[in-house]
Protein backbone atom coordinates (compact mmCIF):
# COMPACT_ATOMS: atom_id res chain seq x y z
CA MET A 1 23.67 -19.98 -8.74
CA ASP A 2 26.31 -21.79 -10.96
CA SER A 3 28.73 -18.89 -12.45
CA VAL A 4 29.58 -19.09 -16.31
CA LEU A 5 32.88 -17.92 -17.60
CA VAL A 6 32.23 -15.16 -20.01
CA PRO A 7 34.23 -14.96 -23.08
CA SER A 8 36.90 -12.28 -23.14
CA ASP A 9 35.28 -10.84 -26.57
CA VAL A 10 31.67 -10.55 -25.29
CA GLU A 11 32.91 -9.13 -21.89
CA SER A 12 35.23 -6.56 -23.72
CA ALA A 13 32.39 -5.30 -26.05
CA LEU A 14 30.07 -4.98 -23.07
CA ALA A 15 32.96 -3.61 -20.58
CA MET A 16 33.45 -0.68 -23.38
CA ALA A 17 29.83 0.33 -23.56
CA GLY A 18 29.50 0.78 -19.62
CA PHE A 19 27.95 -3.10 -19.21
CA ARG A 20 28.40 -6.18 -17.81
CA ALA A 21 27.00 -9.80 -18.71
CA VAL A 22 24.48 -10.77 -15.64
CA GLU A 23 22.57 -14.03 -16.81
CA VAL A 24 22.53 -16.27 -19.63
CA THR A 25 20.04 -16.08 -22.30
CA GLY A 26 19.22 -18.52 -25.24
CA ALA A 27 20.77 -16.61 -27.65
CA GLY A 28 23.55 -14.51 -25.71
CA TRP A 29 24.12 -12.69 -22.36
CA LEU A 30 21.67 -10.47 -20.79
CA ALA A 31 23.83 -7.30 -19.78
CA ALA A 32 23.20 -4.52 -16.93
CA ALA A 33 24.76 -0.87 -16.56
CA LEU A 34 27.72 -0.63 -14.78
CA ASP A 35 26.49 2.74 -13.27
CA GLY A 36 24.02 1.11 -11.40
CA SER A 37 21.21 2.24 -13.18
CA ASP A 38 18.28 -0.29 -14.39
CA ARG A 39 19.35 -0.20 -17.91
CA ARG A 40 19.56 -3.52 -19.73
CA LEU A 41 20.35 -5.17 -23.11
CA GLU A 42 21.52 -8.22 -24.76
CA LEU A 43 24.21 -9.29 -26.50
CA HIS A 44 23.79 -12.13 -29.05
CA VAL A 45 26.54 -14.30 -30.62
CA VAL A 46 26.25 -14.76 -34.23
CA PRO A 47 28.94 -17.33 -36.09
CA GLY A 48 29.69 -15.48 -39.41
CA VAL A 49 32.20 -13.20 -41.08
CA VAL A 50 32.22 -9.75 -42.30
CA ASP A 51 31.53 -9.56 -45.89
CA ASP A 52 29.69 -7.50 -48.25
CA ARG A 53 26.35 -9.29 -47.79
CA THR A 54 26.27 -9.31 -43.99
CA ALA A 55 26.95 -5.88 -43.96
CA LYS A 56 24.21 -4.83 -45.86
CA ARG A 57 21.98 -7.20 -43.74
CA ALA A 58 23.07 -5.20 -40.64
CA VAL A 59 22.53 -1.74 -42.24
CA ARG A 60 19.20 -3.09 -42.76
CA LEU A 61 18.45 -4.58 -39.96
CA ARG A 62 19.66 -1.56 -38.00
CA ASP A 63 17.06 0.83 -39.63
CA VAL A 64 14.31 -1.34 -39.20
CA ARG A 65 11.86 0.07 -36.43
CA TYR A 66 8.79 -1.66 -35.63
CA GLU A 67 6.83 -2.24 -32.06
CA HIS A 68 6.60 -5.81 -32.06
CA LEU A 69 10.85 -6.21 -32.97
CA PRO A 70 13.20 -5.54 -30.76
CA GLN A 71 15.49 -2.49 -31.70
CA VAL A 72 19.06 -3.75 -32.86
CA LEU A 73 21.42 -1.17 -31.52
CA GLU A 74 24.70 -2.27 -33.03
CA VAL A 75 26.34 -5.27 -34.98
CA LEU A 76 30.08 -6.12 -33.82
CA ASP A 77 33.16 -7.72 -35.16
CA LEU A 78 33.82 -9.50 -32.07
CA SER A 79 36.70 -11.69 -33.03
CA PRO A 80 37.36 -14.22 -36.09
CA GLY A 81 34.17 -15.83 -36.94
CA ARG A 82 32.00 -14.67 -34.45
CA LEU A 83 29.29 -11.17 -34.79
CA GLY A 84 27.84 -9.56 -31.80
CA LEU A 85 24.14 -8.59 -32.25
CA VAL A 86 23.30 -6.01 -29.64
CA VAL A 87 19.57 -5.24 -29.19
CA GLU A 88 16.98 -3.90 -27.02
CA HIS A 89 16.40 -6.43 -23.90
CA VAL A 90 12.67 -7.30 -23.97
CA PRO A 91 11.52 -8.22 -20.47
CA GLY A 92 8.41 -10.84 -20.46
CA LEU A 93 7.41 -14.76 -20.38
CA SER A 94 8.10 -16.75 -23.84
CA LEU A 95 5.18 -18.41 -25.28
CA ALA A 96 6.93 -21.52 -23.77
CA GLN A 97 6.56 -20.32 -20.24
CA ILE A 98 3.32 -19.04 -20.46
CA ARG A 99 2.22 -22.15 -22.11
CA ALA A 100 3.83 -24.29 -19.35
CA ALA A 101 2.45 -22.44 -16.46
CA ARG A 102 -1.35 -22.27 -17.74
CA ALA A 103 -4.34 -23.66 -20.00
CA PRO A 104 -3.80 -23.42 -24.02
CA LEU A 105 -4.19 -19.99 -25.43
CA THR A 106 -7.95 -19.16 -26.50
CA ASP A 107 -9.33 -18.19 -30.15
CA GLY A 108 -8.59 -14.41 -29.36
CA GLU A 109 -5.72 -14.62 -27.03
CA ALA A 110 -3.82 -16.68 -30.19
CA ALA A 111 -5.15 -13.61 -32.58
CA THR A 112 -3.62 -11.16 -30.40
CA VAL A 113 -0.06 -12.96 -30.45
CA THR A 114 -0.44 -13.77 -34.16
CA ILE A 115 -1.50 -10.32 -35.90
CA PRO A 116 1.37 -7.86 -34.81
CA LEU A 117 3.82 -10.63 -35.05
CA ALA A 118 2.54 -11.30 -38.86
CA GLY A 119 3.06 -7.64 -39.28
CA ALA A 120 6.70 -7.54 -37.54
CA ILE A 121 7.47 -10.46 -39.96
CA GLU A 122 6.16 -8.22 -42.64
CA ALA A 123 8.56 -5.29 -41.42
CA LEU A 124 11.51 -7.64 -41.79
CA HIS A 125 10.53 -8.80 -45.61
CA ALA A 126 10.04 -5.31 -46.33
CA ALA A 127 13.41 -4.54 -45.48
CA GLY A 128 14.83 -7.84 -47.25
CA LEU A 129 15.35 -9.84 -44.27
CA THR A 130 14.13 -12.68 -42.87
CA HIS A 131 13.53 -13.98 -39.24
CA GLY A 132 14.55 -17.59 -39.67
CA SER A 133 14.07 -19.12 -36.26
CA VAL A 134 10.09 -18.14 -35.06
CA SER A 135 9.44 -20.52 -32.07
CA GLU A 136 7.56 -20.77 -29.09
CA SER A 137 11.09 -19.16 -27.14
CA THR A 138 11.23 -16.39 -29.41
CA VAL A 139 7.75 -15.12 -28.78
CA VAL A 140 7.81 -12.82 -26.20
CA VAL A 141 4.83 -11.10 -24.30
CA ARG A 142 5.86 -8.13 -22.51
CA PRO A 143 3.83 -7.41 -18.71
CA ASP A 144 1.36 -4.99 -20.66
CA GLY A 145 0.52 -7.83 -22.76
CA ARG A 146 2.09 -6.64 -26.21
CA PRO A 147 3.71 -9.88 -28.08
CA VAL A 148 7.47 -9.38 -29.51
CA LEU A 149 9.39 -11.58 -31.86
CA THR A 150 12.87 -11.81 -30.48
CA ASP A 151 15.88 -13.29 -31.48
CA LEU A 152 17.23 -11.63 -34.49
CA ARG A 153 20.17 -13.90 -35.11
CA GLY A 154 19.05 -15.30 -38.00
CA ALA A 155 18.15 -12.42 -39.74
CA LEU A 156 21.78 -11.25 -39.55
CA GLY A 157 23.02 -14.28 -40.63
CA GLY A 158 20.53 -14.60 -43.75
CA ALA A 159 18.59 -17.87 -42.58
CA GLY A 160 15.00 -18.66 -43.86
CA ASP A 161 12.71 -17.31 -46.27
CA PRO A 162 10.01 -14.89 -46.04
CA GLU A 163 6.91 -17.84 -46.70
CA ALA A 164 8.56 -20.35 -43.77
CA ASP A 165 8.83 -17.33 -41.53
CA LEU A 166 5.15 -17.35 -41.72
CA ARG A 167 4.29 -20.97 -41.25
CA ARG A 168 6.57 -21.15 -38.39
CA LEU A 169 4.42 -18.76 -36.81
CA VAL A 170 1.11 -20.14 -37.38
CA THR A 171 2.54 -23.54 -36.25
CA THR A 172 4.05 -21.93 -33.00
CA VAL A 173 0.73 -20.51 -31.74
CA LEU A 174 -1.18 -23.41 -33.15
CA ALA A 175 0.87 -25.57 -30.80
CA GLN A 176 0.09 -23.39 -27.64
CA MET A 177 -3.91 -23.73 -28.80
CA PRO A 178 -6.25 -26.55 -27.38
CA GLY A 179 -6.15 -29.90 -29.43
CA ALA A 180 -8.49 -30.99 -32.20
CA ASP A 181 -11.72 -31.09 -29.52
CA VAL A 182 -11.53 -27.39 -29.57
CA HIS A 183 -15.10 -26.74 -29.29
CA LEU A 184 -14.94 -27.98 -25.87
CA VAL A 185 -13.67 -24.90 -24.99
CA ALA A 186 -13.85 -22.70 -27.58
CA GLY A 187 -17.44 -22.54 -28.49
CA ILE A 188 -20.82 -24.30 -30.02
CA ALA A 189 -19.59 -27.36 -32.17
CA GLY A 190 -19.00 -26.60 -36.01
CA GLU A 191 -18.64 -23.20 -35.21
CA LEU A 192 -15.22 -21.84 -37.11
CA THR A 193 -12.59 -21.82 -35.29
CA LEU A 194 -8.96 -20.09 -35.61
CA ARG A 195 -7.45 -23.50 -35.58
CA ASP A 196 -9.65 -24.11 -38.59
CA GLY A 197 -8.28 -21.12 -40.30
CA PHE A 198 -4.83 -21.97 -39.14
CA THR A 199 -4.90 -25.12 -40.69
CA GLU A 200 -6.14 -24.01 -43.54
CA LEU A 201 -3.51 -21.80 -43.87
CA LEU A 202 -0.77 -24.48 -43.67
CA GLY A 203 -1.87 -25.50 -47.30
CA VAL A 204 -2.12 -22.18 -49.08
CA PRO A 205 1.18 -21.72 -50.95
CA GLY A 206 2.58 -18.46 -51.42
CA LEU A 207 1.60 -17.43 -47.84
CA ARG A 208 1.51 -13.75 -47.10
CA ALA A 209 1.22 -11.90 -43.63
CA GLY A 210 -2.02 -10.09 -45.02
CA GLN A 211 -3.45 -13.88 -45.58
CA VAL A 212 -2.58 -14.92 -42.10
CA VAL A 213 -4.29 -11.55 -40.48
CA ASP A 214 -7.45 -12.00 -42.31
CA ALA A 215 -7.79 -15.68 -41.04
CA CYS A 216 -7.39 -14.22 -37.52
CA PHE A 217 -10.00 -11.85 -37.96
CA ARG A 218 -12.61 -14.45 -39.90
CA ALA A 219 -12.41 -16.24 -36.82
CA THR A 220 -12.27 -14.61 -33.59
CA GLU A 221 -11.89 -10.85 -31.75
CA PRO A 222 -8.18 -10.48 -30.07
CA THR A 223 -8.45 -10.59 -26.30
CA PRO A 224 -5.89 -10.01 -24.04
CA VAL A 225 -3.50 -12.69 -22.88
CA ARG A 226 -3.77 -13.99 -19.70
CA LEU A 227 -0.33 -13.93 -18.01
CA PRO A 228 0.59 -16.50 -15.30
CA ASP A 229 0.80 -14.79 -11.72
CA ALA A 230 3.54 -15.48 -9.71
CA GLY A 231 2.23 -18.34 -8.25
CA GLN A 232 1.45 -20.58 -11.20
CA LEU A 233 4.96 -19.34 -12.70
CA ALA A 234 6.66 -20.91 -9.40
CA SER A 235 4.79 -24.08 -9.18
CA SER A 236 5.97 -24.42 -12.75
CA ALA A 237 9.53 -23.77 -12.11
CA LEU A 238 9.70 -20.91 -14.48
CA SER A 239 10.39 -17.83 -12.46
CA THR A 240 14.21 -19.01 -12.68
CA GLY A 241 13.29 -21.15 -16.27
CA ALA A 242 15.38 -19.70 -19.33
CA ARG A 243 13.68 -17.87 -22.30
CA GLU A 244 14.42 -20.83 -24.80
CA GLY A 245 12.82 -23.25 -21.87
CA ASP A 246 16.65 -24.40 -20.93
CA PRO A 247 17.40 -24.80 -16.94
CA ALA A 248 17.25 -21.92 -14.90
CA ARG A 249 19.41 -18.50 -16.19
CA ARG A 250 22.36 -18.58 -14.57
CA GLN A 251 24.10 -15.65 -13.39
CA VAL A 252 28.07 -15.02 -14.83
CA GLY A 253 30.97 -14.02 -13.75
CA THR A 254 34.54 -13.70 -14.98
CA ARG A 255 37.98 -15.39 -13.98
CA ARG A 256 40.69 -13.25 -13.08
CA ASP A 257 42.81 -14.58 -15.55
CA GLU A 258 40.38 -13.86 -18.64
CA ARG A 259 40.40 -10.12 -17.26
CA ALA A 260 43.89 -10.24 -17.68
CA ARG A 261 44.04 -11.60 -20.92
CA ARG A 262 41.31 -9.32 -22.11
CA ARG A 263 43.26 -6.50 -20.88
CA ARG A 264 46.26 -7.64 -22.95
CA GLN A 265 44.40 -8.49 -25.83
CA GLY A 266 41.53 -6.16 -26.16
CA VAL A 267 38.32 -6.55 -28.49
CA ARG A 268 38.57 -7.05 -32.14
CA LEU A 269 36.25 -3.95 -33.38
CA THR A 270 36.48 -2.79 -36.89
CA VAL A 271 34.85 0.39 -37.85
CA THR A 272 32.27 -0.68 -40.70
CA ALA A 273 28.59 -0.49 -41.83
CA VAL A 274 28.95 -4.01 -39.74
CA ALA A 275 31.35 -3.67 -37.14
CA ALA A 276 31.44 -0.53 -35.11
CA VAL A 277 32.62 0.65 -31.61
CA LEU A 278 29.23 0.25 -29.42
CA VAL A 279 27.20 3.42 -29.68
CA LEU A 280 24.27 2.38 -27.47
CA GLY A 281 21.13 3.74 -26.15
CA GLY A 282 20.75 4.95 -22.16
CA GLY A 283 24.57 6.18 -21.00
CA VAL A 284 26.14 3.69 -22.99
CA ALA A 285 30.16 4.36 -22.94
CA GLY A 286 31.45 2.82 -25.95
CA TRP A 287 32.22 5.20 -29.01
CA ARG A 288 32.30 5.22 -32.75
CA LEU A 289 35.59 5.05 -34.03
CA LEU A 290 36.37 8.76 -35.33
CA GLY A 291 40.04 8.03 -36.86
CA ALA A 292 42.06 11.35 -38.23
CA GLN A 293 45.58 12.17 -38.75
CA ALA A 294 48.50 12.48 -36.63
CA PRO A 295 47.79 14.58 -33.29
CA ALA A 296 47.60 17.96 -34.08
CA ALA A 297 44.78 19.42 -31.62
CA THR A 298 45.78 21.78 -28.72
CA ALA A 299 44.82 22.33 -25.20
CA ALA A 300 42.88 25.40 -26.17
CA ALA A 301 40.26 22.73 -27.79
CA GLN A 302 39.34 21.38 -24.35
CA GLU A 303 39.76 24.28 -22.70
CA THR A 304 36.92 26.58 -24.54
CA PRO A 305 34.14 27.50 -21.85
CA ASP A 306 31.48 26.90 -24.65
CA PRO A 307 30.81 23.07 -24.16
CA VAL A 308 29.59 22.63 -27.96
CA GLU A 309 32.55 23.66 -29.40
CA ALA A 310 34.47 22.00 -27.14
CA ALA A 311 32.09 18.52 -27.86
CA ILE A 312 33.25 19.03 -31.55
CA GLU A 313 37.10 19.29 -31.03
CA LEU A 314 37.11 16.85 -28.45
CA SER A 315 35.21 14.05 -30.93
CA ARG A 316 37.91 15.44 -33.59
CA LEU A 317 41.14 15.03 -30.61
CA ARG A 318 39.81 11.83 -29.35
CA ALA A 319 39.80 10.06 -33.04
CA GLU A 320 43.65 11.43 -33.27
CA VAL A 321 44.41 9.92 -30.06
CA LEU A 322 42.85 6.72 -31.30
CA GLY A 323 44.95 6.89 -34.29
CA ALA A 324 48.11 7.34 -32.60
CA GLY A 325 47.68 4.79 -29.91
CA ASP A 326 48.47 7.02 -27.29
CA GLN A 327 46.64 5.92 -23.92
CA ALA A 328 48.79 8.63 -22.23
CA ALA A 329 46.89 11.05 -24.24
CA LEU A 330 43.35 9.82 -23.03
CA GLY A 331 43.44 11.64 -20.31
CA ALA A 332 43.39 15.22 -22.68
CA VAL A 333 40.43 13.86 -24.01
CA GLU A 334 38.14 12.31 -21.14
CA VAL A 335 37.73 12.29 -17.44
CA VAL A 336 40.51 9.35 -15.96
CA ASP A 337 38.59 5.89 -14.96
CA GLY A 338 35.26 7.29 -16.20
CA PRO A 339 32.78 5.09 -18.57
CA ALA A 340 34.74 6.84 -21.63
CA TYR A 341 38.19 6.16 -20.29
CA ARG A 342 37.77 2.61 -19.45
CA ALA A 343 36.13 2.01 -22.67
CA ASP A 344 38.88 3.35 -24.88
CA SER A 345 41.60 2.01 -22.57
CA LEU A 346 40.35 -1.57 -23.39
CA LEU A 347 40.18 -0.41 -27.37
CA LEU A 348 43.45 0.71 -27.81
CA PRO A 349 45.45 -2.49 -27.17
CA ASP A 350 43.82 -3.75 -30.29
CA LEU A 351 44.30 -0.58 -32.41
CA ASP A 352 48.48 -0.78 -31.67
CA GLY A 353 50.15 -0.69 -34.92
CA VAL A 354 46.96 -0.52 -36.95
CA ARG A 355 47.31 2.42 -39.62
CA LEU A 356 43.80 3.70 -40.60
CA ASP A 357 44.80 5.43 -44.23
CA GLY A 358 42.34 7.87 -45.63
CA LEU A 359 40.14 8.05 -42.34
CA THR A 360 38.97 11.00 -41.88
CA VAL A 361 35.83 12.16 -39.64
CA ASP A 362 33.30 15.05 -40.17
CA VAL A 363 31.50 16.67 -37.37
CA GLN A 364 28.65 17.99 -39.07
CA ASP A 365 26.20 19.33 -35.90
CA ALA A 366 26.56 19.89 -32.57
CA TRP A 367 23.87 21.24 -30.09
CA LEU A 368 23.44 21.59 -26.01
CA VAL A 369 20.85 19.27 -24.98
CA THR A 370 18.69 20.29 -22.15
CA ASP A 371 17.86 17.31 -19.52
CA GLU A 372 16.69 17.68 -16.28
CA ASP A 373 18.33 14.37 -15.47
CA THR A 374 21.79 15.71 -16.29
CA ARG A 375 23.90 12.78 -14.25
CA GLY A 376 26.24 15.69 -13.46
CA THR A 377 27.26 16.53 -16.50
CA THR A 378 26.69 19.07 -19.53
CA ASP A 379 25.16 17.41 -22.49
CA VAL A 380 25.89 17.98 -26.06
CA ALA A 381 24.55 15.90 -29.22
CA VAL A 382 27.19 15.44 -32.00
CA THR A 383 26.47 14.04 -35.53
CA SER A 384 29.45 12.97 -37.23
CA ALA A 385 29.96 10.53 -39.95
CA THR A 386 33.64 8.94 -41.27
CA SER A 387 34.97 8.25 -44.41
CA ALA A 388 36.41 5.36 -46.41
CA TYR A 389 39.58 4.37 -45.78
CA ASP A 390 42.03 1.12 -45.57
CA ARG A 391 42.78 -0.40 -42.15
CA VAL A 392 46.44 -1.76 -42.71
CA PRO A 393 47.40 -4.54 -39.84
CA ALA A 394 50.38 -3.93 -37.68
CA ASP A 395 52.09 -6.68 -39.67
CA GLY A 396 51.98 -5.14 -42.75
CA GLY A 397 49.62 -7.61 -43.95
CA ALA A 398 46.87 -6.91 -46.98
CA ALA A 399 44.98 -3.96 -45.91
CA THR A 400 41.01 -4.32 -45.33
CA GLN A 401 39.01 -1.96 -47.16
CA VAL A 402 36.37 0.12 -45.11
CA ALA A 403 33.11 1.49 -46.06
CA ALA A 404 32.21 5.27 -45.21
CA SER A 405 29.76 5.38 -42.09
CA THR A 406 26.54 7.11 -42.31
CA ALA A 407 26.26 9.96 -40.16
CA ARG A 408 25.16 9.14 -36.38
CA THR A 409 24.39 11.20 -33.46
CA VAL A 410 25.48 10.63 -29.65
CA VAL A 411 25.19 12.31 -26.60
CA LEU A 412 28.76 13.30 -25.27
CA GLY A 413 28.34 13.84 -21.40
CA LEU A 414 31.35 16.51 -20.39
CA ARG A 415 32.28 17.42 -17.14
CA TRP A 416 34.57 20.69 -16.38
CA THR A 417 37.71 19.71 -15.20
CA PRO A 418 41.01 21.98 -13.88
CA GLY A 419 41.96 21.07 -17.85
CA GLY A 420 38.83 22.41 -19.07
CA TRP A 421 35.85 20.26 -20.20
CA ARG A 422 36.28 16.33 -21.07
CA VAL A 423 33.96 13.51 -21.73
CA TRP A 424 32.51 11.38 -18.88
CA ASP A 425 30.30 8.93 -20.75
CA VAL A 426 28.68 9.11 -24.29
CA ARG A 427 25.14 7.62 -24.90
CA GLN A 428 22.23 7.45 -27.61
CA PRO A 429 20.11 10.70 -27.54
């Protein structure tokens, strides 16, 4: 397959989290874990800047939990004018792919898609957000038949309005159903069909999610969506099709000079409500930036035999090391060349000379995590929050005010070394 150059800011952000881009998607990049596991996530690029409105949308978007929406793991300030939306990878086929490989959706299948997605749109609206880009390419049906409304870039950007989201959903599903001669496949002529109900809805002012759901149940009973088999997908050339219906998804690579330039420049990550060092699920190597004053911790902090006490002190010590920009001191906190060490090695160049005035970290709780799959580490969950502070650039320019963070919990994977406990990786509990 053709290779595609991954932008340095995207590559850096993924590398810090222990991932690498493997495929281009319509919304951004699909990334695989560097540790060889089957973990996947997606990073979608959104044009925009970090301002108060964007920050508030990012916080609300991360807090939304709904079965038929992908979970937003983090929002990043990738580089000037580019935000990164890190989301759960949703495996499956888009409506566009399904429709290209098989006959139109029946009324029951259309209801199965529409009812939960109307609820997903309502969940976004309840959080003060809109989706903005509902289409046959953003509706994905998982292998188990559950539909998911993907591509939340519009929600972060503030596009669209609540009523428009619902109208797009109705028109999108309607386009995947049979035409006006629906009676030939749906039942007896003159019988109420879902097409009739959807057509009526499009003329209703102030359309609400409950009305869409009611129209579905009045017309039909939901039935499972029949997914195309491998032969149908192959015949329609969708086995290598992109979610957006573009040509084949392409494996991505990087150029040697781009990797070198990335190492020189680092990724521009700002610790705010909207932009934080990656803290993602399932063995992610990125850290929330826990800044502090000048280095003051001692070796005894890591040499304690109690892993919980060590995790607390290592969290604080790491903040001091990053605040001082001392890469040589990273080995006193992290296992050299481990996932966490590699992540911070990429972060430090961008912090060179930057002052974080007034930043403190509060470790609120820590406890040992018992897990049969230890990955060769002793795992400790740490809950912490950062204070408000001023980020003063190295060139002496105007300071940027950064709001205090809410408490977040990560799991530190510790390994015992000749110097005591060191951090191997970081993941979400």
